[in-house]
Amino acid sequence: MSQKYDIVIPAVAGDVPFLPKVIKYIRLNLVDAECIYIVTNKKNFSCKRLSEIHDAHVVLLDENMFIEGLSFNSIKENLVSRGYFDSPGWFLQQFIKLGFAATKYAKEYYLTWDADTLPLSKIQYFEDSHPRFTIKKECHLAYFETIERLFGYGKLKDYSFIAEHMMFKVSVVREMLKEIENSDVQGEKWFDKCLNACNFNSKYPAPHFSEFETYGTYCTKKYPELYHTQKLNTFRGAGFIRGRFITDKILSKMSLDLDTASFELYDKPCFPYSIPYYIAHFKTKFKKARRMSLMVVFKKLFKIS
C-alpha cells in the first residue's frame, strides 16, 4: 500500500504564473500526493493564471497569516535589528516549510516542493515504509554553524540534504521545533531562535540557514534509521532551453533522462526562443500604463521627476 502525503509550495509573486504547469506535472508524476497547499502573499491570489488550476484539492494560504507571529515584516524587523538587511523572503519560505508541521493542515507526512521545478518522472518518496531523502553534493559551512548553535552538533553526513524538495515527517518536525524553542538561543519562538542562531558576521558568506540541512541533520542524529536516501537526475538550468514557455513535447524528451527540471525566474533562453518573454513583459508594462494618467506615463517615458 502506497503512502499518501500532501505537498506544500511556497511561492513568490514571480513564480505564481508558473504554478499551473507545476501542478499539472505534480499530478502526472507524484501520484501519491493528495492536497497541494500554495503558500504565497495574499495579493497573489488574484493572479489570472491561478484560475487555470482546476483542482479541488489545491488550497491557497496567506504566507503572512499562516503561522502565528511569522510574516515577511516580522523577519525583516529581526534582521534589521541585527544590522542585516538582506533576504527576509529567503528565511520566510524556509520557515513556512518547517512551520507547516505545526498547523492544522498537517497530517503524517508532507512534501515541500520548489515553485520553479517540474517533476518529469514518477518519483517514489517511500521505500518499505521509510521516507526518502534526496541527497546531493553541497557543503556550505555557515549552515552548520547555525545548526551547532541550535543543537550542539554540526555536519554529520558527507552529503547534502538540499534538493528541490523534501519529505517531512510531521511528528519529527514538531519535536525539532520544540527542541529549538527550548534551546538557550535568544528568542521566544522557534523561528526567532533560528534567525538569532545565525552569525551574520561569520567568516562564511551568506546564506546562513538551511531548513533542509537542519532537518536532515536532526534526523541523522535522533532518528538514524528512519529515512532512506535516493539520488535523482535533476537539472537546475532548464530555463535556458526554452524558458517557462517550454512545451510538453520538449519536456517529454527531457524526461527520458531527467527526474526534475527547474526553471529559475531569471533564466531565459537565447533569441528567438526568448520572444515569448518580451511579449509577456510588454503586456505587463502595457497593463500598468493603462492604469496611469497620460502625465505619469509621459514622465516615466522621459524620466522626468
C-alpha atoms as a PDB file:
ATOM      1  CA  MET A   1       0.000   0.000   0.000  1.00  0.00           C
ATOM      2  CA  SER A   2       1.416   3.376  -1.015  1.00  0.00           C
ATOM      3  CA  GLN A   3       1.992   6.158   1.486  1.00  0.00           C
ATOM      4  CA  LYS A   4      -0.087   9.270   0.848  1.00  0.00           C
ATOM      5  CA  TYR A   5       1.182  12.767   1.560  1.00  0.00           C
ATOM      6  CA  ASP A   6       0.346  16.427   0.991  1.00  0.00           C
ATOM      7  CA  ILE A   7       2.508  18.956  -0.842  1.00  0.00           C
ATOM      8  CA  VAL A   8       3.489  22.445   0.328  1.00  0.00           C
ATOM      9  CA  ILE A   9       4.680  25.005  -2.246  1.00  0.00           C
ATOM     10  CA  PRO A  10       5.857  28.425  -1.013  1.00  0.00           C
ATOM     11  CA  ALA A  11       5.700  30.832  -3.956  1.00  0.00           C
ATOM     12  CA  VAL A  12       6.881  34.381  -4.580  1.00  0.00           C
ATOM     13  CA  ALA A  13       4.935  36.602  -6.992  1.00  0.00           C
ATOM     14  CA  GLY A  14       7.218  35.843  -9.936  1.00  0.00           C
ATOM     15  CA  ASP A  15       6.686  32.100  -9.591  1.00  0.00           C
ATOM     16  CA  VAL A  16       2.889  32.176  -9.247  1.00  0.00           C
ATOM     17  CA  PRO A  17       2.176  32.282 -13.038  1.00  0.00           C
ATOM     18  CA  PHE A  18       4.249  29.104 -13.454  1.00  0.00           C
ATOM     19  CA  LEU A  19       2.216  27.160 -10.890  1.00  0.00           C
ATOM     20  CA  PRO A  20      -0.454  25.759 -13.282  1.00  0.00           C
ATOM     21  CA  LYS A  21       2.288  23.846 -15.104  1.00  0.00           C
ATOM     22  CA  VAL A  22       3.884  22.770 -11.808  1.00  0.00           C
ATOM     23  CA  ILE A  23       0.532  21.450 -10.534  1.00  0.00           C
ATOM     24  CA  LYS A  24      -0.089  19.670 -13.833  1.00  0.00           C
ATOM     25  CA  TYR A  25       3.216  17.781 -13.639  1.00  0.00           C
ATOM     26  CA  ILE A  26       2.819  17.042  -9.938  1.00  0.00           C
ATOM     27  CA  ARG A  27      -0.500  15.369 -10.652  1.00  0.00           C
ATOM     28  CA  LEU A  28       1.049  13.487 -13.567  1.00  0.00           C
ATOM     29  CA  ASN A  29       4.113  12.165 -11.752  1.00  0.00           C
ATOM     30  CA  LEU A  30       3.685  12.424  -7.971  1.00  0.00           C
ATOM     31  CA  VAL A  31       0.703  10.096  -7.912  1.00  0.00           C
ATOM     32  CA  ASP A  32       0.554   9.658  -4.128  1.00  0.00           C
ATOM     33  CA  ALA A  33       0.096  13.377  -3.491  1.00  0.00           C
ATOM     34  CA  GLU A  34      -3.242  14.460  -2.041  1.00  0.00           C
ATOM     35  CA  CYS A  35      -3.780  18.128  -1.096  1.00  0.00           C
ATOM     36  CA  ILE A  36      -1.473  20.770  -2.545  1.00  0.00           C
ATOM     37  CA  TYR A  37      -1.022  23.907  -0.434  1.00  0.00           C
ATOM     38  CA  ILE A  38       0.246  27.002  -2.229  1.00  0.00           C
ATOM     39  CA  VAL A  39       1.579  29.470   0.349  1.00  0.00           C
ATOM     40  CA  THR A  40       2.064  32.958  -1.035  1.00  0.00           C
ATOM     41  CA  ASN A  41       1.291  36.610  -0.366  1.00  0.00           C
ATOM     42  CA  LYS A  42      -2.470  37.165  -0.365  1.00  0.00           C
ATOM     43  CA  LYS A  43      -2.170  39.794  -3.098  1.00  0.00           C
ATOM     44  CA  ASN A  44      -1.074  36.993  -5.458  1.00  0.00           C
ATOM     45  CA  PHE A  45      -4.380  35.144  -5.024  1.00  0.00           C
ATOM     46  CA  SER A  46      -5.881  37.289  -7.789  1.00  0.00           C
ATOM     47  CA  CYS A  47      -3.283  36.218 -10.358  1.00  0.00           C
ATOM     48  CA  LYS A  48      -5.195  35.275 -13.500  1.00  0.00           C
ATOM     49  CA  ARG A  49      -3.061  32.194 -14.104  1.00  0.00           C
ATOM     50  CA  LEU A  50      -4.195  30.640 -10.816  1.00  0.00           C
ATOM     51  CA  SER A  51      -7.734  30.453 -12.237  1.00  0.00           C
ATOM     52  CA  GLU A  52      -6.369  27.911 -14.718  1.00  0.00           C
ATOM     53  CA  ILE A  53      -5.833  25.413 -11.900  1.00  0.00           C
ATOM     54  CA  HIS A  54      -8.970  23.289 -11.865  1.00  0.00           C
ATOM     55  CA  ASP A  55      -8.144  21.101  -8.907  1.00  0.00           C
ATOM     56  CA  ALA A  56     -10.422  20.903  -5.884  1.00  0.00           C
ATOM     57  CA  HIS A  57      -7.502  19.786  -3.723  1.00  0.00           C
ATOM     58  CA  VAL A  58      -5.360  22.867  -4.307  1.00  0.00           C
ATOM     59  CA  VAL A  59      -5.566  25.321  -1.389  1.00  0.00           C
ATOM     60  CA  LEU A  60      -4.214  28.889  -1.261  1.00  0.00           C
ATOM     61  CA  LEU A  61      -2.794  30.099   2.052  1.00  0.00           C
ATOM     62  CA  ASP A  62      -1.637  33.595   3.001  1.00  0.00           C
ATOM     63  CA  GLU A  63       2.070  33.449   3.901  1.00  0.00           C
ATOM     64  CA  ASN A  64       1.710  36.317   6.390  1.00  0.00           C
ATOM     65  CA  MET A  65      -1.199  34.750   8.300  1.00  0.00           C
ATOM     66  CA  PHE A  66      -0.078  31.152   8.038  1.00  0.00           C
ATOM     67  CA  ILE A  67       1.902  30.802  11.264  1.00  0.00           C
ATOM     68  CA  GLU A  68       1.169  32.996  14.298  1.00  0.00           C
ATOM     69  CA  GLY A  69       3.801  35.695  14.714  1.00  0.00           C
ATOM     70  CA  LEU A  70       5.580  34.861  11.463  1.00  0.00           C
ATOM     71  CA  SER A  71       5.467  37.231   8.495  1.00  0.00           C
ATOM     72  CA  PHE A  72       7.725  38.906   5.973  1.00  0.00           C
ATOM     73  CA  ASN A  73       7.755  42.084   8.070  1.00  0.00           C
ATOM     74  CA  SER A  74       8.482  40.323  11.365  1.00  0.00           C
ATOM     75  CA  ILE A  75      11.506  38.612   9.807  1.00  0.00           C
ATOM     76  CA  LYS A  76      12.655  41.868   8.241  1.00  0.00           C
ATOM     77  CA  GLU A  77      12.433  43.652  11.602  1.00  0.00           C
ATOM     78  CA  ASN A  78      14.507  40.935  13.259  1.00  0.00           C
ATOM     79  CA  LEU A  79      17.175  41.076  10.563  1.00  0.00           C
ATOM     80  CA  VAL A  80      17.353  44.881  10.507  1.00  0.00           C
ATOM     81  CA  SER A  81      17.699  44.982  14.296  1.00  0.00           C
ATOM     82  CA  ARG A  82      20.854  42.912  13.873  1.00  0.00           C
ATOM     83  CA  GLY A  83      22.214  45.053  11.071  1.00  0.00           C
ATOM     84  CA  TYR A  84      21.381  42.544   8.329  1.00  0.00           C
ATOM     85  CA  PHE A  85      19.244  43.909   5.514  1.00  0.00           C
ATOM     86  CA  ASP A  86      19.025  41.017   3.036  1.00  0.00           C
ATOM     87  CA  SER A  87      16.762  38.074   2.276  1.00  0.00           C
ATOM     88  CA  PRO A  88      13.705  38.199   4.574  1.00  0.00           C
ATOM     89  CA  GLY A  89      11.816  36.291   1.874  1.00  0.00           C
ATOM     90  CA  TRP A  90      14.539  33.637   1.821  1.00  0.00           C
ATOM     91  CA  PHE A  91      14.030  32.953   5.528  1.00  0.00           C
ATOM     92  CA  LEU A  92      10.234  33.181   5.286  1.00  0.00           C
ATOM     93  CA  GLN A  93       9.890  30.415   2.688  1.00  0.00           C
ATOM     94  CA  GLN A  94      12.143  28.155   4.760  1.00  0.00           C
ATOM     95  CA  PHE A  95      10.173  28.769   7.946  1.00  0.00           C
ATOM     96  CA  ILE A  96       6.932  28.098   6.061  1.00  0.00           C
ATOM     97  CA  LYS A  97       8.259  24.660   5.090  1.00  0.00           C
ATOM     98  CA  LEU A  98       9.085  23.804   8.684  1.00  0.00           C
ATOM     99  CA  GLY A  99       6.148  25.578  10.301  1.00  0.00           C
ATOM    100  CA  PHE A 100       3.574  23.720   8.211  1.00  0.00           C
ATOM    101  CA  ALA A 101       4.029  20.783  10.587  1.00  0.00           C
ATOM    102  CA  ALA A 102       2.602  22.865  13.440  1.00  0.00           C
ATOM    103  CA  THR A 103      -0.558  23.907  11.570  1.00  0.00           C
ATOM    104  CA  LYS A 104      -3.995  22.315  11.464  1.00  0.00           C
ATOM    105  CA  TYR A 105      -3.353  21.214   7.870  1.00  0.00           C
ATOM    106  CA  ALA A 106      -0.517  18.800   8.687  1.00  0.00           C
ATOM    107  CA  LYS A 107      -1.145  15.046   8.607  1.00  0.00           C
ATOM    108  CA  GLU A 108       1.591  12.399   8.939  1.00  0.00           C
ATOM    109  CA  TYR A 109       3.857  13.432   6.069  1.00  0.00           C
ATOM    110  CA  TYR A 110       4.163  16.360   3.694  1.00  0.00           C
ATOM    111  CA  LEU A 111       6.464  17.066   0.768  1.00  0.00           C
ATOM    112  CA  THR A 112       7.745  20.577   0.188  1.00  0.00           C
ATOM    113  CA  TRP A 113       8.267  21.435  -3.460  1.00  0.00           C
ATOM    114  CA  ASP A 114      10.029  24.335  -5.201  1.00  0.00           C
ATOM    115  CA  ALA A 115       7.659  26.550  -7.201  1.00  0.00           C
ATOM    116  CA  ASP A 116      10.078  26.683 -10.147  1.00  0.00           C
ATOM    117  CA  THR A 117      10.510  22.913 -10.522  1.00  0.00           C
ATOM    118  CA  LEU A 118       8.689  20.266 -12.576  1.00  0.00           C
ATOM    119  CA  PRO A 119       8.751  16.537 -11.763  1.00  0.00           C
ATOM    120  CA  LEU A 120       9.365  14.769 -15.077  1.00  0.00           C
ATOM    121  CA  SER A 121       9.288  11.152 -13.912  1.00  0.00           C
ATOM    122  CA  LYS A 122       7.373   9.028 -11.414  1.00  0.00           C
ATOM    123  CA  ILE A 123       9.218   9.684  -8.166  1.00  0.00           C
ATOM    124  CA  GLN A 124       8.751   7.443  -5.132  1.00  0.00           C
ATOM    125  CA  TYR A 125       9.354   9.067  -1.763  1.00  0.00           C
ATOM    126  CA  PHE A 126       8.967   5.924   0.314  1.00  0.00           C
ATOM    127  CA  GLU A 127      10.814   2.628   0.371  1.00  0.00           C
ATOM    128  CA  ASP A 128       9.461  -0.200   2.565  1.00  0.00           C
ATOM    129  CA  SER A 129       7.529   2.378   4.631  1.00  0.00           C
ATOM    130  CA  HIS A 130      10.671   4.511   5.077  1.00  0.00           C
ATOM    131  CA  PRO A 131      10.574   8.097   3.753  1.00  0.00           C
ATOM    132  CA  ARG A 132      13.433   9.066   1.463  1.00  0.00           C
ATOM    133  CA  PHE A 133      15.798  11.997   1.442  1.00  0.00           C
ATOM    134  CA  THR A 134      17.049  13.135  -1.956  1.00  0.00           C
ATOM    135  CA  ILE A 135      20.761  13.687  -1.450  1.00  0.00           C
ATOM    136  CA  LYS A 136      23.176  15.915  -3.344  1.00  0.00           C
ATOM    137  CA  LYS A 137      26.700  17.263  -3.128  1.00  0.00           C
ATOM    138  CA  GLU A 138      26.900  20.635  -1.425  1.00  0.00           C
ATOM    139  CA  CYS A 139      28.655  21.898   1.672  1.00  0.00           C
ATOM    140  CA  HIS A 140      28.056  25.411   2.927  1.00  0.00           C
ATOM    141  CA  LEU A 141      29.633  25.591   6.370  1.00  0.00           C
ATOM    142  CA  ALA A 142      27.595  28.592   7.537  1.00  0.00           C
ATOM    143  CA  TYR A 143      24.521  26.329   7.685  1.00  0.00           C
ATOM    144  CA  PHE A 144      26.271  24.000  10.104  1.00  0.00           C
ATOM    145  CA  GLU A 145      27.496  26.842  12.315  1.00  0.00           C
ATOM    146  CA  THR A 146      23.829  27.717  12.827  1.00  0.00           C
ATOM    147  CA  ILE A 147      22.817  24.088  13.408  1.00  0.00           C
ATOM    148  CA  GLU A 148      25.538  23.701  16.032  1.00  0.00           C
ATOM    149  CA  ARG A 149      24.285  26.746  17.933  1.00  0.00           C
ATOM    150  CA  LEU A 150      20.759  25.308  17.896  1.00  0.00           C
ATOM    151  CA  PHE A 151      21.528  21.695  18.823  1.00  0.00           C
ATOM    152  CA  GLY A 152      25.152  21.400  19.872  1.00  0.00           C
ATOM    153  CA  TYR A 153      26.282  19.364  16.876  1.00  0.00           C
ATOM    154  CA  GLY A 154      27.111  20.186  13.261  1.00  0.00           C
ATOM    155  CA  LYS A 155      27.547  18.320   9.995  1.00  0.00           C
ATOM    156  CA  LEU A 156      27.079  14.555  10.363  1.00  0.00           C
ATOM    157  CA  LYS A 157      26.979  13.319   6.767  1.00  0.00           C
ATOM    158  CA  ASP A 158      29.323  13.682   3.809  1.00  0.00           C
ATOM    159  CA  TYR A 159      26.409  14.602   1.527  1.00  0.00           C
ATOM    160  CA  SER A 160      23.855  17.411   1.426  1.00  0.00           C
ATOM    161  CA  PHE A 161      20.130  17.265   2.121  1.00  0.00           C
ATOM    162  CA  ILE A 162      19.469  20.313  -0.053  1.00  0.00           C
ATOM    163  CA  ALA A 163      17.309  19.486  -3.056  1.00  0.00           C
ATOM    164  CA  GLU A 164      14.276  20.976  -4.782  1.00  0.00           C
ATOM    165  CA  HIS A 165      12.011  19.064  -2.406  1.00  0.00           C
ATOM    166  CA  MET A 166      11.962  17.289   0.940  1.00  0.00           C
ATOM    167  CA  MET A 167       9.643  14.796   2.593  1.00  0.00           C
ATOM    168  CA  PHE A 168       8.958  15.828   6.196  1.00  0.00           C
ATOM    169  CA  LYS A 169       7.542  13.641   8.960  1.00  0.00           C
ATOM    170  CA  VAL A 170       5.214  15.860  10.981  1.00  0.00           C
ATOM    171  CA  SER A 171       5.894  14.367  14.423  1.00  0.00           C
ATOM    172  CA  VAL A 172       9.660  14.746  13.961  1.00  0.00           C
ATOM    173  CA  VAL A 173       9.417  18.348  12.739  1.00  0.00           C
ATOM    174  CA  ARG A 174       7.227  19.257  15.702  1.00  0.00           C
ATOM    175  CA  GLU A 175       9.710  17.659  18.073  1.00  0.00           C
ATOM    176  CA  MET A 176      12.593  19.521  16.433  1.00  0.00           C
ATOM    177  CA  LEU A 177      10.822  22.882  16.615  1.00  0.00           C
ATOM    178  CA  LYS A 178      10.023  22.297  20.291  1.00  0.00           C
ATOM    179  CA  GLU A 179      13.675  21.500  20.958  1.00  0.00           C
ATOM    180  CA  ILE A 180      14.690  24.724  19.203  1.00  0.00           C
ATOM    181  CA  GLU A 181      12.215  26.717  21.323  1.00  0.00           C
ATOM    182  CA  ASN A 182      13.675  25.149  24.460  1.00  0.00           C
ATOM    183  CA  SER A 183      17.252  25.924  23.455  1.00  0.00           C
ATOM    184  CA  ASP A 184      19.388  28.613  25.081  1.00  0.00           C
ATOM    185  CA  VAL A 185      19.449  30.710  21.903  1.00  0.00           C
ATOM    186  CA  GLN A 186      17.872  34.141  22.371  1.00  0.00           C
ATOM    187  CA  GLY A 187      14.265  34.481  21.274  1.00  0.00           C
ATOM    188  CA  GLU A 188      10.784  33.270  22.139  1.00  0.00           C
ATOM    189  CA  LYS A 189       9.548  31.472  19.017  1.00  0.00           C
ATOM    190  CA  TRP A 190      11.463  28.768  17.165  1.00  0.00           C
ATOM    191  CA  PHE A 191      11.792  30.938  14.055  1.00  0.00           C
ATOM    192  CA  ASP A 192      13.221  33.817  16.108  1.00  0.00           C
ATOM    193  CA  LYS A 193      15.806  31.445  17.537  1.00  0.00           C
ATOM    194  CA  CYS A 194      16.712  30.147  14.069  1.00  0.00           C
ATOM    195  CA  LEU A 195      17.391  33.735  12.999  1.00  0.00           C
ATOM    196  CA  ASN A 196      19.275  34.581  16.187  1.00  0.00           C
ATOM    197  CA  ALA A 197      21.433  31.479  15.811  1.00  0.00           C
ATOM    198  CA  CYS A 198      22.752  32.850  12.514  1.00  0.00           C
ATOM    199  CA  ASN A 199      26.089  34.612  12.739  1.00  0.00           C
ATOM    200  CA  PHE A 200      25.849  37.313  10.089  1.00  0.00           C
ATOM    201  CA  ASN A 201      29.457  38.278  10.824  1.00  0.00           C
ATOM    202  CA  SER A 202      30.678  34.767  10.137  1.00  0.00           C
ATOM    203  CA  LYS A 203      33.769  34.183   8.009  1.00  0.00           C
ATOM    204  CA  TYR A 204      31.487  32.094   5.812  1.00  0.00           C
ATOM    205  CA  PRO A 205      29.349  34.045   3.323  1.00  0.00           C
ATOM    206  CA  ALA A 206      25.547  34.169   3.314  1.00  0.00           C
ATOM    207  CA  PRO A 207      23.148  32.448   3.386  1.00  0.00           C
ATOM    208  CA  HIS A 208      23.307  31.293   6.999  1.00  0.00           C
ATOM    209  CA  PHE A 209      20.346  28.947   7.421  1.00  0.00           C
ATOM    210  CA  SER A 210      19.010  25.913   5.578  1.00  0.00           C
ATOM    211  CA  GLU A 211      15.781  24.225   6.601  1.00  0.00           C
ATOM    212  CA  PHE A 212      16.796  21.087   4.684  1.00  0.00           C
ATOM    213  CA  GLU A 213      20.259  20.754   6.233  1.00  0.00           C
ATOM    214  CA  THR A 214      18.769  21.495   9.658  1.00  0.00           C
ATOM    215  CA  TYR A 215      16.047  18.848   9.425  1.00  0.00           C
ATOM    216  CA  GLY A 216      18.244  16.295   7.690  1.00  0.00           C
ATOM    217  CA  THR A 217      20.973  16.678  10.311  1.00  0.00           C
ATOM    218  CA  TYR A 218      18.432  16.458  13.142  1.00  0.00           C
ATOM    219  CA  CYS A 219      17.003  13.217  11.734  1.00  0.00           C
ATOM    220  CA  THR A 220      20.500  11.805  11.287  1.00  0.00           C
ATOM    221  CA  LYS A 221      21.224  12.441  14.958  1.00  0.00           C
ATOM    222  CA  LYS A 222      17.892  11.486  16.505  1.00  0.00           C
ATOM    223  CA  TYR A 223      16.382   9.010  14.030  1.00  0.00           C
ATOM    224  CA  PRO A 224      19.233   7.490  12.009  1.00  0.00           C
ATOM    225  CA  GLU A 225      17.140   4.532  10.808  1.00  0.00           C
ATOM    226  CA  LEU A 226      14.013   6.469   9.843  1.00  0.00           C
ATOM    227  CA  TYR A 227      14.969   7.754   6.388  1.00  0.00           C
ATOM    228  CA  HIS A 228      16.420   6.019   3.368  1.00  0.00           C
ATOM    229  CA  THR A 229      18.189   8.021   0.659  1.00  0.00           C
ATOM    230  CA  GLN A 230      17.933   8.340  -3.104  1.00  0.00           C
ATOM    231  CA  LYS A 231      19.728  10.146  -5.892  1.00  0.00           C
ATOM    232  CA  LEU A 232      17.739  11.747  -8.688  1.00  0.00           C
ATOM    233  CA  ASN A 233      18.758  13.211 -12.018  1.00  0.00           C
ATOM    234  CA  THR A 234      17.946  16.894 -11.597  1.00  0.00           C
ATOM    235  CA  PHE A 235      18.664  19.900 -13.815  1.00  0.00           C
ATOM    236  CA  ARG A 236      18.547  23.429 -12.412  1.00  0.00           C
ATOM    237  CA  GLY A 237      19.346  25.211 -15.688  1.00  0.00           C
ATOM    238  CA  ALA A 238      16.301  24.081 -17.663  1.00  0.00           C
ATOM    239  CA  GLY A 239      15.171  27.681 -18.098  1.00  0.00           C
ATOM    240  CA  PHE A 240      17.942  28.255 -20.627  1.00  0.00           C
ATOM    241  CA  ILE A 241      16.415  25.689 -23.019  1.00  0.00           C
ATOM    242  CA  ARG A 242      13.012  27.253 -23.716  1.00  0.00           C
ATOM    243  CA  GLY A 243      12.284  29.086 -20.502  1.00  0.00           C
ATOM    244  CA  ARG A 244       8.959  28.727 -18.752  1.00  0.00           C
ATOM    245  CA  PHE A 245       7.175  28.678 -22.094  1.00  0.00           C
ATOM    246  CA  ILE A 246       8.611  25.216 -22.766  1.00  0.00           C
ATOM    247  CA  THR A 247       6.261  22.758 -24.475  1.00  0.00           C
ATOM    248  CA  ASP A 248       5.072  19.401 -23.185  1.00  0.00           C
ATOM    249  CA  LYS A 249       6.740  17.778 -26.199  1.00  0.00           C
ATOM    250  CA  ILE A 250      10.181  19.064 -25.196  1.00  0.00           C
ATOM    251  CA  LEU A 251       9.546  18.153 -21.557  1.00  0.00           C
ATOM    252  CA  SER A 252       8.655  14.624 -22.684  1.00  0.00           C
ATOM    253  CA  LYS A 253      12.047  14.309 -24.355  1.00  0.00           C
ATOM    254  CA  MET A 254      13.803  15.693 -21.266  1.00  0.00           C
ATOM    255  CA  SER A 255      12.030  13.122 -19.095  1.00  0.00           C
ATOM    256  CA  LEU A 256      13.989  10.340 -20.794  1.00  0.00           C
ATOM    257  CA  ASP A 257      16.985  11.092 -18.568  1.00  0.00           C
ATOM    258  CA  LEU A 258      15.753  13.634 -16.004  1.00  0.00           C
ATOM    259  CA  ASP A 259      13.635  13.278 -12.878  1.00  0.00           C
ATOM    260  CA  THR A 260      13.164  17.006 -12.261  1.00  0.00           C
ATOM    261  CA  ALA A 261      13.817  20.209 -14.176  1.00  0.00           C
ATOM    262  CA  SER A 262      13.971  23.654 -12.593  1.00  0.00           C
ATOM    263  CA  PHE A 263      13.155  26.900 -14.377  1.00  0.00           C
ATOM    264  CA  GLU A 264      14.609  29.680 -12.280  1.00  0.00           C
ATOM    265  CA  LEU A 265      12.880  33.020 -12.577  1.00  0.00           C
ATOM    266  CA  TYR A 266      15.629  34.896 -14.403  1.00  0.00           C
ATOM    267  CA  ASP A 267      16.941  32.054 -16.591  1.00  0.00           C
ATOM    268  CA  LYS A 268      15.898  32.795 -20.169  1.00  0.00           C
ATOM    269  CA  PRO A 269      16.766  31.132 -23.479  1.00  0.00           C
ATOM    270  CA  CYS A 270      18.610  32.839 -26.309  1.00  0.00           C
ATOM    271  CA  PHE A 271      16.856  34.619 -29.166  1.00  0.00           C
ATOM    272  CA  PRO A 272      14.493  33.720 -30.853  1.00  0.00           C
ATOM    273  CA  TYR A 273      13.217  31.478 -28.034  1.00  0.00           C
ATOM    274  CA  SER A 274      13.178  34.475 -25.708  1.00  0.00           C
ATOM    275  CA  ILE A 275      10.496  36.244 -27.809  1.00  0.00           C
ATOM    276  CA  PRO A 276       7.587  35.000 -25.601  1.00  0.00           C
ATOM    277  CA  TYR A 277       9.291  36.659 -22.616  1.00  0.00           C
ATOM    278  CA  TYR A 278       9.497  40.017 -24.378  1.00  0.00           C
ATOM    279  CA  ILE A 279       5.832  39.744 -25.376  1.00  0.00           C
ATOM    280  CA  ALA A 280       4.772  38.910 -21.815  1.00  0.00           C
ATOM    281  CA  HIS A 281       6.930  41.744 -20.451  1.00  0.00           C
ATOM    282  CA  PHE A 282       5.369  44.206 -22.910  1.00  0.00           C
ATOM    283  CA  LYS A 283       1.837  43.100 -21.970  1.00  0.00           C
ATOM    284  CA  THR A 284       2.592  43.631 -18.283  1.00  0.00           C
ATOM    285  CA  LYS A 285       4.017  47.095 -18.909  1.00  0.00           C
ATOM    286  CA  PHE A 286       1.068  47.991 -21.140  1.00  0.00           C
ATOM    287  CA  LYS A 287      -1.490  46.951 -18.499  1.00  0.00           C
ATOM    288  CA  LYS A 288       0.291  49.070 -15.887  1.00  0.00           C
ATOM    289  CA  ALA A 289       0.418  52.039 -18.275  1.00  0.00           C
ATOM    290  CA  ARG A 290      -3.325  51.828 -18.937  1.00  0.00           C
ATOM    291  CA  ARG A 291      -3.976  52.390 -15.230  1.00  0.00           C
ATOM    292  CA  MET A 292      -1.831  55.547 -15.194  1.00  0.00           C
ATOM    293  CA  SER A 293      -2.648  59.037 -16.305  1.00  0.00           C
ATOM    294  CA  LEU A 294      -1.051  60.329 -19.512  1.00  0.00           C
ATOM    295  CA  MET A 295       1.069  62.747 -17.465  1.00  0.00           C
ATOM    296  CA  VAL A 296       2.502  59.910 -15.305  1.00  0.00           C
ATOM    297  CA  VAL A 297       3.238  57.805 -18.403  1.00  0.00           C
ATOM    298  CA  PHE A 298       4.927  60.784 -20.074  1.00  0.00           C
ATOM    299  CA  LYS A 299       7.105  61.413 -17.010  1.00  0.00           C
ATOM    300  CA  LYS A 300       8.144  57.774 -16.809  1.00  0.00           C
ATOM    301  CA  LEU A 301       8.961  57.566 -20.529  1.00  0.00           C
ATOM    302  CA  PHE A 302      11.150  60.642 -20.408  1.00  0.00           C
ATOM    303  CA  LYS A 303      12.333  60.144 -16.802  1.00  0.00           C
ATOM    304  CA  ILE A 304      11.032  63.493 -15.643  1.00  0.00           C
ATOM    305  CA  SER A 305      10.944  63.882 -11.865  1.00  0.00           C
END
